[in-house]
PDB file of N, CA and C in Angstrom:
ATOM      1  N   MET A   1      93.067  74.351 -44.003  1.00  0.00           N
ATOM      2  CA  MET A   1      91.974  73.809 -43.195  1.00  0.00           C
ATOM      3  C   MET A   1      91.582  74.829 -42.130  1.00  0.00           C
ATOM      4  N   ARG A   2      90.332  75.160 -42.084  1.00  0.00           N
ATOM      5  CA  ARG A   2      89.805  76.112 -41.096  1.00  0.00           C
ATOM      6  C   ARG A   2      89.101  75.344 -39.977  1.00  0.00           C
ATOM      7  N   HIS A   3      89.073  75.991 -38.822  1.00  0.00           N
ATOM      8  CA  HIS A   3      88.276  75.407 -37.736  1.00  0.00           C
ATOM      9  C   HIS A   3      87.356  76.496 -37.216  1.00  0.00           C
ATOM     10  N   ASN A   4      86.082  76.272 -37.389  1.00  0.00           N
ATOM     11  CA  ASN A   4      85.064  77.216 -36.936  1.00  0.00           C
ATOM     12  C   ASN A   4      84.378  76.614 -35.715  1.00  0.00           C
ATOM     13  N   PRO A   5      84.410  77.288 -34.562  1.00  0.00           N
ATOM     14  CA  PRO A   5      83.757  76.732 -33.362  1.00  0.00           C
ATOM     15  C   PRO A   5      82.267  76.471 -33.565  1.00  0.00           C
ATOM     16  N   ALA A   6      81.609  77.325 -34.336  1.00  0.00           N
ATOM     17  CA  ALA A   6      80.172  77.115 -34.588  1.00  0.00           C
ATOM     18  C   ALA A   6      79.946  75.822 -35.358  1.00  0.00           C
ATOM     19  N   SER A   7      80.818  75.542 -36.323  1.00  0.00           N
ATOM     20  CA  SER A   7      80.695  74.304 -37.086  1.00  0.00           C
ATOM     21  C   SER A   7      80.951  73.088 -36.194  1.00  0.00           C
ATOM     22  N   GLY A   8      81.894  73.223 -35.281  1.00  0.00           N
ATOM     23  CA  GLY A   8      82.166  72.133 -34.328  1.00  0.00           C
ATOM     24  C   GLY A   8      80.953  71.865 -33.450  1.00  0.00           C
ATOM     25  N   ALA A   9      80.289  72.927 -33.021  1.00  0.00           N
ATOM     26  CA  ALA A   9      79.080  72.768 -32.206  1.00  0.00           C
ATOM     27  C   ALA A   9      77.967  72.098 -33.012  1.00  0.00           C
ATOM     28  N   ILE A  10      77.882  72.442 -34.288  1.00  0.00           N
ATOM     29  CA  ILE A  10      76.869  71.830 -35.148  1.00  0.00           C
ATOM     30  C   ILE A  10      77.132  70.338 -35.296  1.00  0.00           C
ATOM     31  N   VAL A  11      78.397  69.973 -35.472  1.00  0.00           N
ATOM     32  CA  VAL A  11      78.756  68.556 -35.576  1.00  0.00           C
ATOM     33  C   VAL A  11      78.362  67.815 -34.311  1.00  0.00           C
ATOM     34  N   ILE A  12      78.621  68.410 -33.158  1.00  0.00           N
ATOM     35  CA  ILE A  12      78.263  67.773 -31.874  1.00  0.00           C
ATOM     36  C   ILE A  12      76.748  67.609 -31.775  1.00  0.00           C
ATOM     37  N   MET A  13      76.001  68.650 -32.135  1.00  0.00           N
ATOM     38  CA  MET A  13      74.531  68.558 -32.072  1.00  0.00           C
ATOM     39  C   MET A  13      74.004  67.476 -33.009  1.00  0.00           C
ATOM     40  N   LEU A  14      74.581  67.402 -34.208  1.00  0.00           N
ATOM     41  CA  LEU A  14      74.132  66.389 -35.172  1.00  0.00           C
ATOM     42  C   LEU A  14      74.400  64.986 -34.643  1.00  0.00           C
ATOM     43  N   ARG A  15      75.534  64.790 -34.018  1.00  0.00           N
ATOM     44  CA  ARG A  15      75.848  63.466 -33.460  1.00  0.00           C
ATOM     45  C   ARG A  15      74.907  63.117 -32.307  1.00  0.00           C
ATOM     46  N   GLN A  16      74.581  64.102 -31.479  1.00  0.00           N
ATOM     47  CA  GLN A  16      73.643  63.859 -30.384  1.00  0.00           C
ATOM     48  C   GLN A  16      72.266  63.493 -30.909  1.00  0.00           C
ATOM     49  N   LEU A  17      71.901  64.039 -32.068  1.00  0.00           N
ATOM     50  CA  LEU A  17      70.610  63.737 -32.688  1.00  0.00           C
ATOM     51  C   LEU A  17      70.673  62.480 -33.550  1.00  0.00           C
ATOM     52  N   LYS A  18      71.794  61.786 -33.521  1.00  0.00           N
ATOM     53  CA  LYS A  18      72.003  60.539 -34.290  1.00  0.00           C
ATOM     54  C   LYS A  18      71.956  60.797 -35.800  1.00  0.00           C
ATOM     55  N   MET A  19      72.423  61.963 -36.212  1.00  0.00           N
ATOM     56  CA  MET A  19      72.499  62.313 -37.637  1.00  0.00           C
ATOM     57  C   MET A  19      73.968  62.249 -38.056  1.00  0.00           C
ATOM     58  N   HIS A  20      74.519  61.058 -38.014  1.00  0.00           N
ATOM     59  CA  HIS A  20      75.955  60.896 -38.226  1.00  0.00           C
ATOM     60  C   HIS A  20      76.397  61.243 -39.647  1.00  0.00           C
ATOM     61  N   GLY A  21      75.591  60.923 -40.637  1.00  0.00           N
ATOM     62  CA  GLY A  21      75.942  61.254 -42.010  1.00  0.00           C
ATOM     63  C   GLY A  21      76.024  62.759 -42.227  1.00  0.00           C
ATOM     64  N   MET A  22      75.072  63.467 -41.653  1.00  0.00           N
ATOM     65  CA  MET A  22      75.088  64.928 -41.775  1.00  0.00           C
ATOM     66  C   MET A  22      76.274  65.514 -41.007  1.00  0.00           C
ATOM     67  N   ALA A  23      76.604  64.926 -39.858  1.00  0.00           N
ATOM     68  CA  ALA A  23      77.756  65.401 -39.090  1.00  0.00           C
ATOM     69  C   ALA A  23      79.039  65.248 -39.906  1.00  0.00           C
ATOM     70  N   GLN A  24      79.160  64.134 -40.601  1.00  0.00           N
ATOM     71  CA  GLN A  24      80.332  63.909 -41.441  1.00  0.00           C
ATOM     72  C   GLN A  24      80.375  64.944 -42.581  1.00  0.00           C
ATOM     73  N   ALA A  25      79.225  65.206 -43.190  1.00  0.00           N
ATOM     74  CA  ALA A  25      79.168  66.174 -44.280  1.00  0.00           C
ATOM     75  C   ALA A  25      79.530  67.575 -43.793  1.00  0.00           C
ATOM     76  N   VAL A  26      79.056  67.951 -42.622  1.00  0.00           N
ATOM     77  CA  VAL A  26      79.387  69.268 -42.065  1.00  0.00           C
ATOM     78  C   VAL A  26      80.881  69.361 -41.789  1.00  0.00           C
ATOM     79  N   GLY A  27      81.454  68.289 -41.276  1.00  0.00           N
ATOM     80  CA  GLY A  27      82.902  68.277 -41.046  1.00  0.00           C
ATOM     81  C   GLY A  27      83.684  68.470 -42.334  1.00  0.00           C
ATOM     82  N   GLU A  28      83.251  67.793 -43.387  1.00  0.00           N
ATOM     83  CA  GLU A  28      83.929  67.923 -44.681  1.00  0.00           C
ATOM     84  C   GLU A  28      83.766  69.328 -45.256  1.00  0.00           C
ATOM     85  N   LEU A  29      82.569  69.906 -45.141  1.00  0.00           N
ATOM     86  CA  LEU A  29      82.347  71.263 -45.641  1.00  0.00           C
ATOM     87  C   LEU A  29      83.158  72.283 -44.854  1.00  0.00           C
ATOM     88  N   THR A  30      83.325  72.045 -43.549  1.00  0.00           N
ATOM     89  CA  THR A  30      84.134  72.944 -42.730  1.00  0.00           C
ATOM     90  C   THR A  30      85.588  72.902 -43.186  1.00  0.00           C
ATOM     91  N   GLU A  31      86.079  71.699 -43.471  1.00  0.00           N
ATOM     92  CA  GLU A  31      87.457  71.555 -43.939  1.00  0.00           C
ATOM     93  C   GLU A  31      87.660  72.253 -45.290  1.00  0.00           C
ATOM     94  N   GLN A  32      86.658  72.202 -46.155  1.00  0.00           N
ATOM     95  CA  GLN A  32      86.761  72.845 -47.463  1.00  0.00           C
ATOM     96  C   GLN A  32      86.709  74.365 -47.343  1.00  0.00           C
ATOM     97  N   GLY A  33      86.127  74.874 -46.282  1.00  0.00           N
ATOM     98  CA  GLY A  33      86.040  76.319 -46.080  1.00  0.00           C
ATOM     99  C   GLY A  33      85.119  76.994 -47.085  1.00  0.00           C
ATOM    100  N   SER A  34      84.058  76.338 -47.443  1.00  0.00           N
ATOM    101  CA  SER A  34      83.113  76.878 -48.419  1.00  0.00           C
ATOM    102  C   SER A  34      82.431  78.138 -47.878  1.00  0.00           C
ATOM    103  N   PRO A  35      82.502  79.255 -48.616  1.00  0.00           N
ATOM    104  CA  PRO A  35      81.824  80.474 -48.153  1.00  0.00           C
ATOM    105  C   PRO A  35      80.308  80.308 -48.061  1.00  0.00           C
ATOM    106  N   ALA A  36      79.730  79.537 -48.962  1.00  0.00           N
ATOM    107  CA  ALA A  36      78.290  79.301 -48.916  1.00  0.00           C
ATOM    108  C   ALA A  36      77.913  78.549 -47.633  1.00  0.00           C
ATOM    109  N   PHE A  37      78.728  77.577 -47.255  1.00  0.00           N
ATOM    110  CA  PHE A  37      78.447  76.842 -46.029  1.00  0.00           C
ATOM    111  C   PHE A  37      78.620  77.741 -44.815  1.00  0.00           C
ATOM    112  N   GLU A  38      79.651  78.556 -44.805  1.00  0.00           N
ATOM    113  CA  GLU A  38      79.867  79.472 -43.683  1.00  0.00           C
ATOM    114  C   GLU A  38      78.664  80.404 -43.500  1.00  0.00           C
ATOM    115  N   ALA A  39      78.061  80.826 -44.613  1.00  0.00           N
ATOM    116  CA  ALA A  39      76.887  81.686 -44.537  1.00  0.00           C
ATOM    117  C   ALA A  39      75.670  80.929 -44.025  1.00  0.00           C
ATOM    118  N   ALA A  40      75.652  79.617 -44.231  1.00  0.00           N
ATOM    119  CA  ALA A  40      74.498  78.805 -43.831  1.00  0.00           C
ATOM    120  C   ALA A  40      74.580  78.315 -42.384  1.00  0.00           C
ATOM    121  N   VAL A  41      75.730  78.484 -41.741  1.00  0.00           N
ATOM    122  CA  VAL A  41      75.916  77.969 -40.376  1.00  0.00           C
ATOM    123  C   VAL A  41      74.876  78.517 -39.396  1.00  0.00           C
ATOM    124  N   PRO A  42      74.581  79.822 -39.371  1.00  0.00           N
ATOM    125  CA  PRO A  42      73.563  80.300 -38.416  1.00  0.00           C
ATOM    126  C   PRO A  42      72.179  79.691 -38.657  1.00  0.00           C
ATOM    127  N   ILE A  43      71.818  79.527 -39.920  1.00  0.00           N
ATOM    128  CA  ILE A  43      70.504  78.933 -40.234  1.00  0.00           C
ATOM    129  C   ILE A  43      70.481  77.471 -39.805  1.00  0.00           C
ATOM    130  N   LEU A  44      71.556  76.757 -40.087  1.00  0.00           N
ATOM    131  CA  LEU A  44      71.641  75.345 -39.708  1.00  0.00           C
ATOM    132  C   LEU A  44      71.584  75.194 -38.197  1.00  0.00           C
ATOM    133  N   SER A  45      72.223  76.098 -37.486  1.00  0.00           N
ATOM    134  CA  SER A  45      72.197  76.067 -36.029  1.00  0.00           C
ATOM    135  C   SER A  45      70.767  76.247 -35.505  1.00  0.00           C
ATOM    136  N   GLN A  46      70.023  77.190 -36.078  1.00  0.00           N
ATOM    137  CA  GLN A  46      68.639  77.401 -35.666  1.00  0.00           C
ATOM    138  C   GLN A  46      67.767  76.188 -35.973  1.00  0.00           C
ATOM    139  N   LEU A  47      67.986  75.579 -37.130  1.00  0.00           N
ATOM    140  CA  LEU A  47      67.227  74.373 -37.486  1.00  0.00           C
ATOM    141  C   LEU A  47      67.498  73.231 -36.510  1.00  0.00           C
ATOM    142  N   LEU A  48      68.740  73.073 -36.102  1.00  0.00           N
ATOM    143  CA  LEU A  48      69.078  72.003 -35.161  1.00  0.00           C
ATOM    144  C   LEU A  48      68.467  72.267 -33.789  1.00  0.00           C
ATOM    145  N   LYS A  49      68.439  73.519 -33.376  1.00  0.00           N
ATOM    146  CA  LYS A  49      67.794  73.861 -32.096  1.00  0.00           C
ATOM    147  C   LYS A  49      66.300  73.538 -32.160  1.00  0.00           C
ATOM    148  N   ALA A  50      65.680  73.858 -33.293  1.00  0.00           N
ATOM    149  CA  ALA A  50      64.260  73.557 -33.466  1.00  0.00           C
ATOM    150  C   ALA A  50      64.013  72.051 -33.476  1.00  0.00           C
ATOM    151  N   GLU A  51      64.879  71.293 -34.119  1.00  0.00           N
ATOM    152  CA  GLU A  51      64.745  69.823 -34.151  1.00  0.00           C
ATOM    153  C   GLU A  51      64.892  69.249 -32.753  1.00  0.00           C
ATOM    154  N   THR A  52      65.850  69.757 -31.992  1.00  0.00           N
ATOM    155  CA  THR A  52      66.040  69.295 -30.613  1.00  0.00           C
ATOM    156  C   THR A  52      64.798  69.580 -29.777  1.00  0.00           C
ATOM    157  N   ALA A  53      64.253  70.779 -29.904  1.00  0.00           N
ATOM    158  CA  ALA A  53      63.040  71.141 -29.155  1.00  0.00           C
ATOM    159  C   ALA A  53      61.868  70.260 -29.550  1.00  0.00           C
ATOM    160  N   GLU A  54      61.709  70.004 -30.843  1.00  0.00           N
ATOM    161  CA  GLU A  54      60.603  69.167 -31.310  1.00  0.00           C
ATOM    162  C   GLU A  54      60.726  67.748 -30.774  1.00  0.00           C
ATOM    163  N   ARG A  55      61.929  67.209 -30.760  1.00  0.00           N
ATOM    164  CA  ARG A  55      62.123  65.859 -30.223  1.00  0.00           C
ATOM    165  C   ARG A  55      61.818  65.811 -28.741  1.00  0.00           C
ATOM    166  N   GLU A  56      62.162  66.873 -28.012  1.00  0.00           N
ATOM    167  CA  GLU A  56      61.849  66.912 -26.587  1.00  0.00           C
ATOM    168  C   GLU A  56      60.348  66.949 -26.356  1.00  0.00           C
ATOM    169  N   VAL A  57      59.636  67.711 -27.162  1.00  0.00           N
ATOM    170  CA  VAL A  57      58.175  67.791 -27.045  1.00  0.00           C
ATOM    171  C   VAL A  57      57.557  66.430 -27.348  1.00  0.00           C
ATOM    172  N   ARG A  58      58.017  65.778 -28.415  1.00  0.00           N
ATOM    173  CA  ARG A  58      57.468  64.456 -28.758  1.00  0.00           C
ATOM    174  C   ARG A  58      57.764  63.443 -27.656  1.00  0.00           C
ATOM    175  N   SER A  59      58.962  63.519 -27.077  1.00  0.00           N
ATOM    176  CA  SER A  59      59.325  62.597 -26.007  1.00  0.00           C
ATOM    177  C   SER A  59      58.455  62.809 -24.778  1.00  0.00           C
ATOM    178  N   THR A  60      58.212  64.072 -24.437  1.00  0.00           N
ATOM    179  CA  THR A  60      57.349  64.375 -23.293  1.00  0.00           C
ATOM    180  C   THR A  60      55.920  63.911 -23.550  1.00  0.00           C
ATOM    181  N   ALA A  61      55.429  64.154 -24.739  1.00  0.00           N
ATOM    182  CA  ALA A  61      54.068  63.722 -25.081  1.00  0.00           C
ATOM    183  C   ALA A  61      53.965  62.196 -25.026  1.00  0.00           C
ATOM    184  N   TYR A  62      54.982  61.508 -25.511  1.00  0.00           N
ATOM    185  CA  TYR A  62      54.973  60.050 -25.513  1.00  0.00           C
ATOM    186  C   TYR A  62      55.010  59.508 -24.089  1.00  0.00           C
ATOM    187  N   SER A  63      55.838  60.113 -23.237  1.00  0.00           N
ATOM    188  CA  SER A  63      55.979  59.589 -21.879  1.00  0.00           C
ATOM    189  C   SER A  63      54.801  59.955 -20.978  1.00  0.00           C
ATOM    190  N   SER A  64      54.010  60.959 -21.360  1.00  0.00           N
ATOM    191  CA  SER A  64      52.892  61.352 -20.497  1.00  0.00           C
ATOM    192  C   SER A  64      51.558  60.708 -20.905  1.00  0.00           C
ATOM    193  N   ARG A  65      51.541  60.001 -22.005  1.00  0.00           N
ATOM    194  CA  ARG A  65      50.292  59.335 -22.391  1.00  0.00           C
ATOM    195  C   ARG A  65      50.186  57.978 -21.694  1.00  0.00           C
ATOM    196  N   PRO A  66      48.979  57.483 -21.528  1.00  0.00           N
ATOM    197  CA  PRO A  66      48.830  56.190 -20.852  1.00  0.00           C
ATOM    198  C   PRO A  66      49.401  55.055 -21.713  1.00  0.00           C
ATOM    199  N   PRO A  67      49.911  54.036 -21.064  1.00  0.00           N
ATOM    200  CA  PRO A  67      50.473  52.923 -21.836  1.00  0.00           C
ATOM    201  C   PRO A  67      49.409  52.212 -22.664  1.00  0.00           C
ATOM    202  N   ALA A  68      49.843  51.664 -23.770  1.00  0.00           N
ATOM    203  CA  ALA A  68      48.921  50.995 -24.695  1.00  0.00           C
ATOM    204  C   ALA A  68      48.490  49.622 -24.182  1.00  0.00           C
ATOM    205  N   PHE A  69      49.182  49.125 -23.176  1.00  0.00           N
ATOM    206  CA  PHE A  69      48.887  47.784 -22.702  1.00  0.00           C
ATOM    207  C   PHE A  69      47.998  47.765 -21.460  1.00  0.00           C
ATOM    208  N   LEU A  70      47.290  48.848 -21.173  1.00  0.00           N
ATOM    209  CA  LEU A  70      46.376  48.837 -20.037  1.00  0.00           C
ATOM    210  C   LEU A  70      45.299  47.775 -20.266  1.00  0.00           C
ATOM    211  N   PRO A  71      44.918  47.100 -19.216  1.00  0.00           N
ATOM    212  CA  PRO A  71      43.908  46.046 -19.402  1.00  0.00           C
ATOM    213  C   PRO A  71      42.565  46.630 -19.832  1.00  0.00           C
ATOM    214  N   ILE A  72      41.894  45.892 -20.664  1.00  0.00           N
ATOM    215  CA  ILE A  72      40.561  46.286 -21.114  1.00  0.00           C
ATOM    216  C   ILE A  72      39.577  45.805 -20.054  1.00  0.00           C
ATOM    217  N   VAL A  73      38.664  46.664 -19.696  1.00  0.00           N
ATOM    218  CA  VAL A  73      37.685  46.312 -18.677  1.00  0.00           C
ATOM    219  C   VAL A  73      36.725  45.287 -19.261  1.00  0.00           C
ATOM    220  N   CYS A  74      36.615  44.190 -18.577  1.00  0.00           N
ATOM    221  CA  CYS A  74      35.745  43.116 -19.043  1.00  0.00           C
ATOM    222  C   CYS A  74      34.301  43.450 -18.682  1.00  0.00           C
ATOM    223  N   GLN A  75      33.422  43.337 -19.661  1.00  0.00           N
ATOM    224  CA  GLN A  75      32.013  43.625 -19.456  1.00  0.00           C
ATOM    225  C   GLN A  75      31.223  42.385 -19.031  1.00  0.00           C
ATOM    226  N   CYS A  76      31.896  41.263 -18.963  1.00  0.00           N
ATOM    227  CA  CYS A  76      31.194  40.030 -18.591  1.00  0.00           C
ATOM    228  C   CYS A  76      31.059  39.950 -17.067  1.00  0.00           C
ATOM    229  N   ARG A  77      30.121  39.165 -16.626  1.00  0.00           N
ATOM    230  CA  ARG A  77      29.886  38.993 -15.192  1.00  0.00           C
ATOM    231  C   ARG A  77      30.485  37.669 -14.748  1.00  0.00           C
ATOM    232  N   VAL A  78      31.544  37.766 -13.978  1.00  0.00           N
ATOM    233  CA  VAL A  78      32.161  36.554 -13.437  1.00  0.00           C
ATOM    234  C   VAL A  78      32.033  36.630 -11.925  1.00  0.00           C
ATOM    235  N   ASN A  79      31.475  35.606 -11.367  1.00  0.00           N
ATOM    236  CA  ASN A  79      31.316  35.560  -9.914  1.00  0.00           C
ATOM    237  C   ASN A  79      32.405  34.680  -9.327  1.00  0.00           C
ATOM    238  N   PHE A  80      33.294  35.312  -8.597  1.00  0.00           N
ATOM    239  CA  PHE A  80      34.344  34.559  -7.924  1.00  0.00           C
ATOM    240  C   PHE A  80      33.829  34.170  -6.548  1.00  0.00           C
ATOM    241  N   PRO A  81      34.196  32.980  -6.114  1.00  0.00           N
ATOM    242  CA  PRO A  81      33.746  32.555  -4.800  1.00  0.00           C
ATOM    243  C   PRO A  81      34.329  33.457  -3.699  1.00  0.00           C
ATOM    244  N   GLN A  82      33.503  33.785  -2.728  1.00  0.00           N
ATOM    245  CA  GLN A  82      33.927  34.614  -1.628  1.00  0.00           C
ATOM    246  C   GLN A  82      34.479  33.710  -0.527  1.00  0.00           C
ATOM    247  N   LYS A  83      35.552  34.173   0.076  1.00  0.00           N
ATOM    248  CA  LYS A  83      36.103  33.440   1.229  1.00  0.00           C
ATOM    249  C   LYS A  83      35.344  33.882   2.467  1.00  0.00           C
ATOM    250  N   HIS A  84      34.833  32.913   3.181  1.00  0.00           N
ATOM    251  CA  HIS A  84      34.119  33.217   4.429  1.00  0.00           C
ATOM    252  C   HIS A  84      35.030  32.844   5.576  1.00  0.00           C
ATOM    253  N   SER A  85      35.182  33.768   6.488  1.00  0.00           N
ATOM    254  CA  SER A  85      36.035  33.483   7.633  1.00  0.00           C
ATOM    255  C   SER A  85      35.229  33.046   8.818  1.00  0.00           C
TER     256      SER A  85
END
């Protein structure tokens, strides 16, 4: 059984992104010590960084737009009684 710090970091990133199935698969591939997986670790790391950045952009865009429940301006004419002091 090998332990690669980069693979451990990938597992942590996957869990933070709520990709638990992929985190489990990465853990299993790390234990197997697959040379193909070891070669793919840098690419996978870059993809996870890009996914994290994209989610941050979407979150910022979502939080900066106006809420969908803003009241619609009524075009009708309603006269409310005025209070006279």
